[in-house]
Amino acid sequence: MTAPKFTKQQFEFVADFFGPLVSSPSQIKQMADALVDTNITFDRQNFEDRATEAWEAKYADDIADGQRVLEDTEVRNEQNNLKSYG
């Protein structure tokens, strides 16, 4: 099957719209792999950056919450270790 010829505007739309829909930023690289043959001037790094920024904007609160949970867990573990040895 021949790949369609995409324009810069179409790449930007794909990055902005579909970037936040993937479950992880690693899938954005797979999207770029599929798009690379659609235009010889495809700027892979720009696409990946834009799609990743769109993904992070959607999941920023979840990422921050997850980081807080990890930090809280580390603090509790450290406190438990101190109690065990103290």
N, C-alpha and C. Protein backbone atom coordinates (compact mmCIF):
# COMPACT_ATOMS: atom_id res chain seq x y z
N MET A 1 0.84 -1.17 0.00
CA MET A 1 0.00 0.00 0.00
C MET A 1 0.89 1.24 0.00
N THR A 2 0.55 2.20 -0.81
CA THR A 2 1.30 3.45 -0.90
C THR A 2 0.85 4.38 0.22
N ALA A 3 1.83 4.97 0.91
CA ALA A 3 1.52 5.90 2.00
C ALA A 3 0.99 7.21 1.42
N PRO A 4 -0.03 7.79 2.05
CA PRO A 4 -0.52 9.09 1.58
C PRO A 4 0.56 10.15 1.81
N LYS A 5 0.46 11.25 1.11
CA LYS A 5 1.41 12.35 1.28
C LYS A 5 0.81 13.36 2.25
N PHE A 6 1.41 13.48 3.43
CA PHE A 6 0.91 14.38 4.46
C PHE A 6 1.63 15.73 4.37
N THR A 7 0.92 16.75 4.83
CA THR A 7 1.49 18.09 4.91
C THR A 7 1.88 18.39 6.36
N LYS A 8 2.60 19.50 6.56
CA LYS A 8 2.99 19.91 7.90
C LYS A 8 1.74 20.11 8.77
N GLN A 9 0.70 20.71 8.23
CA GLN A 9 -0.53 20.93 8.98
C GLN A 9 -1.15 19.61 9.42
N GLN A 10 -1.09 18.61 8.58
CA GLN A 10 -1.64 17.31 8.93
C GLN A 10 -0.81 16.64 10.02
N PHE A 11 0.51 16.76 9.94
CA PHE A 11 1.37 16.21 11.01
C PHE A 11 1.06 16.89 12.34
N GLU A 12 0.88 18.21 12.30
CA GLU A 12 0.58 18.95 13.52
C GLU A 12 -0.76 18.51 14.10
N PHE A 13 -1.75 18.31 13.23
CA PHE A 13 -3.05 17.83 13.70
C PHE A 13 -2.92 16.46 14.34
N VAL A 14 -2.21 15.56 13.69
CA VAL A 14 -2.03 14.21 14.23
C VAL A 14 -1.34 14.28 15.59
N ALA A 15 -0.31 15.08 15.71
CA ALA A 15 0.42 15.21 16.98
C ALA A 15 -0.49 15.76 18.07
N ASP A 16 -1.21 16.83 17.75
CA ASP A 16 -2.05 17.48 18.75
C ASP A 16 -3.26 16.65 19.13
N PHE A 17 -3.87 15.98 18.16
CA PHE A 17 -5.09 15.23 18.43
C PHE A 17 -4.82 13.83 18.96
N PHE A 18 -3.92 13.11 18.31
CA PHE A 18 -3.69 11.72 18.68
C PHE A 18 -2.63 11.54 19.76
N GLY A 19 -1.73 12.52 19.91
CA GLY A 19 -0.71 12.43 20.96
C GLY A 19 -1.30 12.13 22.33
N PRO A 20 -2.33 12.87 22.77
CA PRO A 20 -2.91 12.62 24.09
C PRO A 20 -3.72 11.32 24.17
N LEU A 21 -4.01 10.71 23.05
CA LEU A 21 -4.84 9.50 23.06
C LEU A 21 -4.04 8.22 23.27
N VAL A 22 -2.73 8.28 23.09
CA VAL A 22 -1.92 7.07 23.28
C VAL A 22 -1.74 6.84 24.78
N SER A 23 -1.47 5.61 25.15
CA SER A 23 -1.36 5.29 26.58
C SER A 23 -0.01 5.66 27.17
N SER A 24 0.99 5.84 26.30
CA SER A 24 2.32 6.20 26.80
C SER A 24 3.09 6.91 25.70
N PRO A 25 4.00 7.82 26.09
CA PRO A 25 4.78 8.53 25.07
C PRO A 25 5.62 7.62 24.17
N SER A 26 5.93 6.42 24.64
CA SER A 26 6.71 5.52 23.79
C SER A 26 5.95 5.15 22.52
N GLN A 27 4.63 5.22 22.57
CA GLN A 27 3.84 4.92 21.38
C GLN A 27 3.92 6.03 20.34
N ILE A 28 4.32 7.21 20.77
CA ILE A 28 4.48 8.33 19.84
C ILE A 28 5.60 8.01 18.85
N LYS A 29 6.64 7.33 19.30
CA LYS A 29 7.72 6.92 18.40
C LYS A 29 7.18 5.96 17.34
N GLN A 30 6.27 5.09 17.73
CA GLN A 30 5.65 4.17 16.76
C GLN A 30 4.82 4.94 15.74
N MET A 31 4.13 5.99 16.21
CA MET A 31 3.37 6.82 15.29
C MET A 31 4.32 7.47 14.29
N ALA A 32 5.44 7.98 14.78
CA ALA A 32 6.42 8.62 13.90
C ALA A 32 6.97 7.61 12.89
N ASP A 33 7.19 6.38 13.33
CA ASP A 33 7.66 5.34 12.41
C ASP A 33 6.68 5.17 11.24
N ALA A 34 5.38 5.22 11.56
CA ALA A 34 4.36 5.04 10.52
C ALA A 34 4.26 6.27 9.61
N LEU A 35 4.58 7.44 10.15
CA LEU A 35 4.43 8.67 9.37
C LEU A 35 5.65 9.05 8.55
N VAL A 36 6.79 8.49 8.86
CA VAL A 36 8.04 8.92 8.22
C VAL A 36 8.00 8.79 6.69
N ASP A 37 7.27 7.84 6.19
CA ASP A 37 7.22 7.63 4.73
C ASP A 37 6.15 8.47 4.04
N THR A 38 5.44 9.32 4.80
CA THR A 38 4.37 10.11 4.20
C THR A 38 4.84 11.44 3.62
N ASN A 39 6.09 11.81 3.92
CA ASN A 39 6.63 13.06 3.38
C ASN A 39 8.13 13.06 3.61
N ILE A 40 8.90 13.32 2.58
CA ILE A 40 10.36 13.27 2.74
C ILE A 40 10.88 14.39 3.64
N THR A 41 10.07 15.42 3.86
CA THR A 41 10.50 16.51 4.74
C THR A 41 9.93 16.36 6.16
N PHE A 42 9.38 15.18 6.46
CA PHE A 42 8.81 14.93 7.79
C PHE A 42 9.89 15.17 8.85
N ASP A 43 9.57 16.05 9.79
CA ASP A 43 10.50 16.38 10.88
C ASP A 43 10.13 15.51 12.08
N ARG A 44 10.75 14.36 12.17
CA ARG A 44 10.42 13.37 13.19
C ARG A 44 10.55 13.95 14.60
N GLN A 45 11.66 14.62 14.87
CA GLN A 45 11.88 15.15 16.21
C GLN A 45 10.82 16.17 16.59
N ASN A 46 10.49 17.04 15.65
CA ASN A 46 9.46 18.04 15.90
C ASN A 46 8.11 17.37 16.18
N PHE A 47 7.77 16.36 15.40
CA PHE A 47 6.52 15.64 15.60
C PHE A 47 6.50 14.98 16.97
N GLU A 48 7.57 14.27 17.31
CA GLU A 48 7.62 13.57 18.60
C GLU A 48 7.54 14.56 19.75
N ASP A 49 8.24 15.68 19.64
CA ASP A 49 8.19 16.70 20.69
C ASP A 49 6.78 17.25 20.86
N ARG A 50 6.15 17.57 19.74
CA ARG A 50 4.81 18.17 19.80
C ARG A 50 3.79 17.17 20.35
N ALA A 51 3.83 15.94 19.89
CA ALA A 51 2.90 14.93 20.37
C ALA A 51 3.13 14.62 21.85
N THR A 52 4.39 14.59 22.27
CA THR A 52 4.71 14.33 23.67
C THR A 52 4.22 15.48 24.54
N GLU A 53 4.39 16.71 24.08
CA GLU A 53 3.89 17.86 24.84
C GLU A 53 2.36 17.78 24.98
N ALA A 54 1.68 17.37 23.94
CA ALA A 54 0.22 17.23 24.00
C ALA A 54 -0.16 16.12 24.98
N TRP A 55 0.60 15.02 24.97
CA TRP A 55 0.34 13.93 25.90
C TRP A 55 0.57 14.39 27.34
N GLU A 56 1.68 15.08 27.58
CA GLU A 56 2.01 15.54 28.93
C GLU A 56 0.98 16.55 29.43
N ALA A 57 0.47 17.41 28.54
CA ALA A 57 -0.54 18.39 28.96
C ALA A 57 -1.79 17.68 29.46
N LYS A 58 -2.15 16.58 28.83
CA LYS A 58 -3.34 15.85 29.25
C LYS A 58 -3.10 15.10 30.56
N TYR A 59 -1.92 14.54 30.73
CA TYR A 59 -1.66 13.67 31.87
C TYR A 59 -0.80 14.30 32.96
N ALA A 60 -0.56 15.61 32.89
CA ALA A 60 0.32 16.28 33.85
C ALA A 60 -0.13 16.07 35.29
N ASP A 61 -1.43 16.21 35.54
CA ASP A 61 -1.93 16.02 36.91
C ASP A 61 -1.73 14.58 37.38
N ASP A 62 -1.98 13.62 36.49
CA ASP A 62 -1.79 12.21 36.84
C ASP A 62 -0.32 11.92 37.13
N ILE A 63 0.56 12.51 36.33
CA ILE A 63 2.00 12.31 36.53
C ILE A 63 2.42 12.90 37.87
N ALA A 64 1.94 14.10 38.16
CA ALA A 64 2.28 14.75 39.44
C ALA A 64 1.73 13.94 40.61
N ASP A 65 0.50 13.44 40.48
CA ASP A 65 -0.08 12.62 41.55
C ASP A 65 0.74 11.35 41.76
N GLY A 66 1.15 10.72 40.69
CA GLY A 66 1.96 9.51 40.78
C GLY A 66 3.30 9.79 41.43
N GLN A 67 3.89 10.93 41.11
CA GLN A 67 5.16 11.30 41.72
C GLN A 67 4.99 11.52 43.22
N ARG A 68 3.89 12.17 43.61
CA ARG A 68 3.62 12.39 45.04
C ARG A 68 3.45 11.07 45.77
N VAL A 69 2.75 10.14 45.15
CA VAL A 69 2.56 8.82 45.77
C VAL A 69 3.90 8.13 45.97
N LEU A 70 4.76 8.19 44.95
CA LEU A 70 6.09 7.58 45.07
C LEU A 70 6.90 8.22 46.19
N GLU A 71 6.86 9.55 46.24
CA GLU A 71 7.61 10.26 47.28
C GLU A 71 7.07 9.92 48.67
N ASP A 72 5.75 9.87 48.82
CA ASP A 72 5.14 9.52 50.10
C ASP A 72 5.53 8.10 50.52
N THR A 73 5.55 7.20 49.56
CA THR A 73 5.92 5.82 49.83
C THR A 73 7.38 5.73 50.27
N GLU A 74 8.25 6.48 49.60
CA GLU A 74 9.67 6.49 49.98
C GLU A 74 9.86 7.03 51.39
N VAL A 75 9.13 8.07 51.73
CA VAL A 75 9.23 8.65 53.08
C VAL A 75 8.76 7.64 54.12
N ARG A 76 7.62 6.99 53.86
CA ARG A 76 7.11 5.97 54.82
C ARG A 76 8.09 4.82 54.97
N ASN A 77 8.66 4.37 53.87
CA ASN A 77 9.63 3.28 53.94
C ASN A 77 10.85 3.69 54.75
N GLU A 78 11.31 4.91 54.54
CA GLU A 78 12.46 5.40 55.28
C GLU A 78 12.13 5.51 56.77
N GLN A 79 10.96 5.99 57.08
CA GLN A 79 10.54 6.10 58.49
C GLN A 79 10.44 4.71 59.13
N ASN A 80 9.89 3.75 58.39
CA ASN A 80 9.79 2.38 58.91
C ASN A 80 11.17 1.76 59.14
N ASN A 81 12.10 2.06 58.22
CA ASN A 81 13.46 1.54 58.38
C ASN A 81 14.11 2.14 59.62
N LEU A 82 13.91 3.44 59.85
CA LEU A 82 14.47 4.08 61.03
C LEU A 82 13.89 3.50 62.32
N LYS A 83 12.60 3.20 62.31
CA LYS A 83 11.97 2.60 63.49
C LYS A 83 12.51 1.20 63.73
N SER A 84 12.76 0.47 62.68
CA SER A 84 13.27 -0.90 62.80
C SER A 84 14.66 -0.94 63.41
N TYR A 85 15.47 0.05 63.06
CA TYR A 85 16.84 0.09 63.54
C TYR A 85 17.02 0.95 64.79
N GLY A 86 16.00 1.73 65.13
CA GLY A 86 16.13 2.69 66.20
C GLY A 86 15.63 2.18 67.48
